[in-house]
């Protein structure tokens, strides 16, 4: 069995359920492409192909998220807050292909992005610096820096007016 597949399976079945962030952090440092200091993975996050996923400093992946790095990279920058139940996909089926073929694309999430709960991000999307994605949105296209988007599919509904000087500091005891 492939070493990385075994590591992914152990993470998804056991380690992601351990209520110790130190144990989860140690395991992720062995598996992910890169994970920076003070990045935080909450319980029950499902990871597909961890070698294609990188997480920046102080970024938060809340509980019950899914990160799909099967066919392309997921690059999450610094001070990114990803809400509970968010799914980030790098692989999908092409509905117009008669053979039900797949298509893929990397997902890039730049600094200070806030992704609310239960968002779905599809392959090939870049979410620009400081953007906000409202709860329940489905992101099918790139999101400009500082844009606030919402809906299915996500469309711009506003502009964020924030100097983005904050640094996330999230480390609850049991998450």
Protein backbone atom coordinates (compact mmCIF):
# COMPACT_ATOMS: atom_id res chain seq x y z
CA UNK A 1 0.00 0.00 0.00
CA UNK A 2 1.23 3.49 -0.88
CA UNK A 3 2.69 5.26 2.20
CA UNK A 4 0.77 8.50 1.52
CA UNK A 5 -2.52 6.64 1.01
CA UNK A 6 -2.02 4.86 4.31
CA UNK A 7 -1.25 8.16 6.07
CA UNK A 8 -4.39 9.74 4.57
CA UNK A 9 -6.55 6.80 5.61
CA UNK A 10 -5.19 6.85 9.16
CA UNK A 11 -5.87 10.61 9.34
CA UNK A 12 -9.43 10.34 8.04
CA UNK A 13 -10.39 7.32 10.15
CA UNK A 14 -8.62 8.04 13.42
CA UNK A 15 -6.37 11.06 13.86
CA UNK A 16 -8.90 13.72 12.75
CA UNK A 17 -11.18 12.48 15.56
CA UNK A 18 -8.64 12.83 18.37
CA UNK A 19 -9.48 15.83 20.57
CA UNK A 20 -5.85 16.93 20.80
CA UNK A 21 -4.69 19.61 18.40
CA UNK A 22 -1.06 18.72 19.12
CA UNK A 23 -1.55 15.14 17.94
CA UNK A 24 -3.41 16.33 14.82
CA UNK A 25 -0.76 19.00 14.11
CA UNK A 26 2.08 16.49 14.46
CA UNK A 27 0.37 14.08 12.05
CA UNK A 28 -0.38 16.81 9.50
CA UNK A 29 3.25 17.97 9.48
CA UNK A 30 4.15 14.48 8.28
CA UNK A 31 1.48 14.37 5.55
CA UNK A 32 0.67 17.80 4.09
CA UNK A 33 2.71 19.49 1.39
CA UNK A 34 3.28 22.22 3.99
CA UNK A 35 1.66 23.50 7.18
CA UNK A 36 2.88 26.70 8.79
CA UNK A 37 3.01 27.60 12.44
CA UNK A 38 -0.20 28.11 14.36
CA UNK A 39 -2.36 26.73 11.55
CA UNK A 40 -5.32 24.98 13.16
CA UNK A 41 -7.36 21.98 12.01
CA UNK A 42 -10.51 21.34 14.02
CA UNK A 43 -11.92 17.87 14.57
CA UNK A 44 -13.38 15.72 11.79
CA UNK A 45 -11.73 17.40 8.80
CA UNK A 46 -11.53 14.98 5.86
CA UNK A 47 -8.43 15.22 3.64
CA UNK A 48 -8.02 13.68 0.21
CA UNK A 49 -4.42 13.55 -1.06
CA UNK A 50 -2.65 15.56 1.65
CA UNK A 51 0.60 15.86 -0.33
CA UNK A 52 -1.16 18.45 -2.55
CA UNK A 53 -2.38 20.69 0.29
CA UNK A 54 -0.54 23.59 1.91
CA UNK A 55 -1.79 25.73 4.80
CA UNK A 56 -0.39 29.13 5.78
CA UNK A 57 0.32 30.69 9.16
CA UNK A 58 -2.54 31.07 11.63
CA UNK A 59 -5.12 29.71 9.18
CA UNK A 60 -8.12 27.87 10.60
CA UNK A 61 -9.90 24.89 9.08
CA UNK A 62 -13.04 24.41 11.19
CA UNK A 63 -14.78 21.11 11.92
CA UNK A 64 -16.27 18.81 9.29
CA UNK A 65 -14.51 20.38 6.31
CA UNK A 66 -13.37 18.43 3.26
CA UNK A 67 -10.16 19.26 1.39
CA UNK A 68 -9.82 17.43 -1.94
CA UNK A 69 -6.26 17.55 -3.23
CA UNK A 70 -6.61 14.52 -5.50
CA UNK A 71 -5.79 16.06 -8.87
CA UNK A 72 -4.45 19.55 -8.12
CA UNK A 73 -3.10 21.66 -5.30
CA UNK A 74 -5.03 23.48 -2.62
CA UNK A 75 -2.97 26.45 -1.42
CA UNK A 76 -4.40 28.26 1.60
CA UNK A 77 -2.44 31.38 2.59
CA UNK A 78 -2.09 33.14 5.95
CA UNK A 79 -4.85 34.19 8.37
CA UNK A 80 -7.59 32.39 6.43
CA UNK A 81 -10.75 31.40 8.35
CA UNK A 82 -12.64 28.49 6.77
CA UNK A 83 -16.03 27.81 8.36
CA UNK A 84 -17.54 24.54 9.49
CA UNK A 85 -18.70 22.12 6.81
CA UNK A 86 -16.89 23.78 3.90
CA UNK A 87 -15.89 21.57 0.94
CA UNK A 88 -12.99 22.51 -1.33
CA UNK A 89 -12.80 20.43 -4.51
CA UNK A 90 -9.99 20.10 -7.08
CA UNK A 91 -11.72 17.40 -9.13
CA UNK A 92 -15.17 17.16 -10.67
CA UNK A 93 -16.97 15.40 -13.51
CA UNK A 94 -17.53 17.18 -16.80
CA UNK A 95 -21.32 17.17 -17.35
CA UNK A 96 -20.82 17.67 -21.10
CA UNK A 97 -18.46 14.76 -21.61
CA UNK A 98 -20.16 11.63 -23.03
CA UNK A 99 -17.69 9.42 -21.10
CA UNK A 100 -18.36 11.17 -17.75
CA UNK A 101 -14.70 12.26 -17.68
CA UNK A 102 -13.23 14.35 -14.92
CA UNK A 103 -11.67 17.78 -15.00
CA UNK A 104 -9.49 19.38 -12.36
CA UNK A 105 -7.97 22.64 -11.25
CA UNK A 106 -6.00 24.03 -8.35
CA UNK A 107 -7.71 26.10 -5.66
CA UNK A 108 -5.88 29.13 -4.27
CA UNK A 109 -7.12 31.02 -1.22
CA UNK A 110 -5.12 34.18 -0.54
CA UNK A 111 -4.38 35.96 2.78
CA UNK A 112 -7.14 37.13 5.13
CA UNK A 113 -9.99 35.37 3.32
CA UNK A 114 -13.05 34.54 5.42
CA UNK A 115 -15.11 31.62 4.16
CA UNK A 116 -18.28 31.15 6.19
CA UNK A 117 -19.96 27.82 7.00
CA UNK A 118 -21.09 25.22 4.47
CA UNK A 119 -19.45 26.82 1.44
CA UNK A 120 -18.53 24.73 -1.60
CA UNK A 121 -15.52 25.80 -3.68
CA UNK A 122 -15.18 24.13 -7.07
CA UNK A 123 -11.95 23.31 -8.98
CA UNK A 124 -9.85 26.02 -10.59
CA UNK A 125 -10.98 28.87 -8.31
CA UNK A 126 -8.81 31.61 -6.81
CA UNK A 127 -10.24 33.60 -3.92
CA UNK A 128 -8.44 36.94 -3.70
CA UNK A 129 -6.89 38.57 -0.66
CA UNK A 130 -9.38 39.71 1.96
CA UNK A 131 -12.45 38.33 0.20
CA UNK A 132 -15.49 37.10 2.15
CA UNK A 133 -17.67 34.17 1.02
CA UNK A 134 -21.11 34.07 2.68
CA UNK A 135 -22.51 30.93 4.29
CA UNK A 136 -23.99 28.34 1.95
CA UNK A 137 -22.45 29.82 -1.20
CA UNK A 138 -21.10 27.80 -4.11
CA UNK A 139 -17.99 29.37 -5.62
CA UNK A 140 -17.64 28.48 -9.30
CA UNK A 141 -15.46 31.39 -10.50
CA UNK A 142 -12.58 33.47 -9.19
CA UNK A 143 -13.39 35.97 -6.45
CA UNK A 144 -11.68 39.37 -6.57
CA UNK A 145 -9.67 40.71 -3.64
CA UNK A 146 -11.81 42.37 -0.96
CA UNK A 147 -15.05 41.24 -2.62
CA UNK A 148 -17.97 39.93 -0.56
CA UNK A 149 -19.78 37.18 -2.44
CA UNK A 150 -22.91 35.15 -1.72
CA UNK A 151 -25.35 32.79 -3.40
CA UNK A 152 -25.56 29.86 -5.76
CA UNK A 153 -23.51 30.48 -7.78
CA UNK A 154 -21.64 33.07 -5.68
CA UNK A 155 -21.91 36.64 -6.98
CA UNK A 156 -20.45 39.82 -5.62
CA UNK A 157 -22.77 41.64 -3.20
CA UNK A 158 -20.33 44.09 -1.64
CA UNK A 159 -16.78 45.19 -0.95
CA UNK A 160 -14.93 44.62 2.30
CA UNK A 161 -13.55 47.77 3.91
CA UNK A 162 -11.00 46.44 6.36
CA UNK A 163 -7.27 47.22 6.57
CA UNK A 164 -6.61 43.45 7.08
CA UNK A 165 -4.01 44.01 9.77
CA UNK A 166 -5.32 41.28 12.08
CA UNK A 167 -3.67 37.94 12.77
CA UNK A 168 -5.88 35.01 13.71
CA UNK A 169 -5.20 33.43 17.09
CA UNK A 170 -7.50 30.43 17.41
CA UNK A 171 -6.58 27.53 19.64
CA UNK A 172 -9.51 26.22 21.69
CA UNK A 173 -8.84 23.32 23.97
CA UNK A 174 -11.18 20.69 22.45
CA UNK A 175 -11.81 21.29 18.76
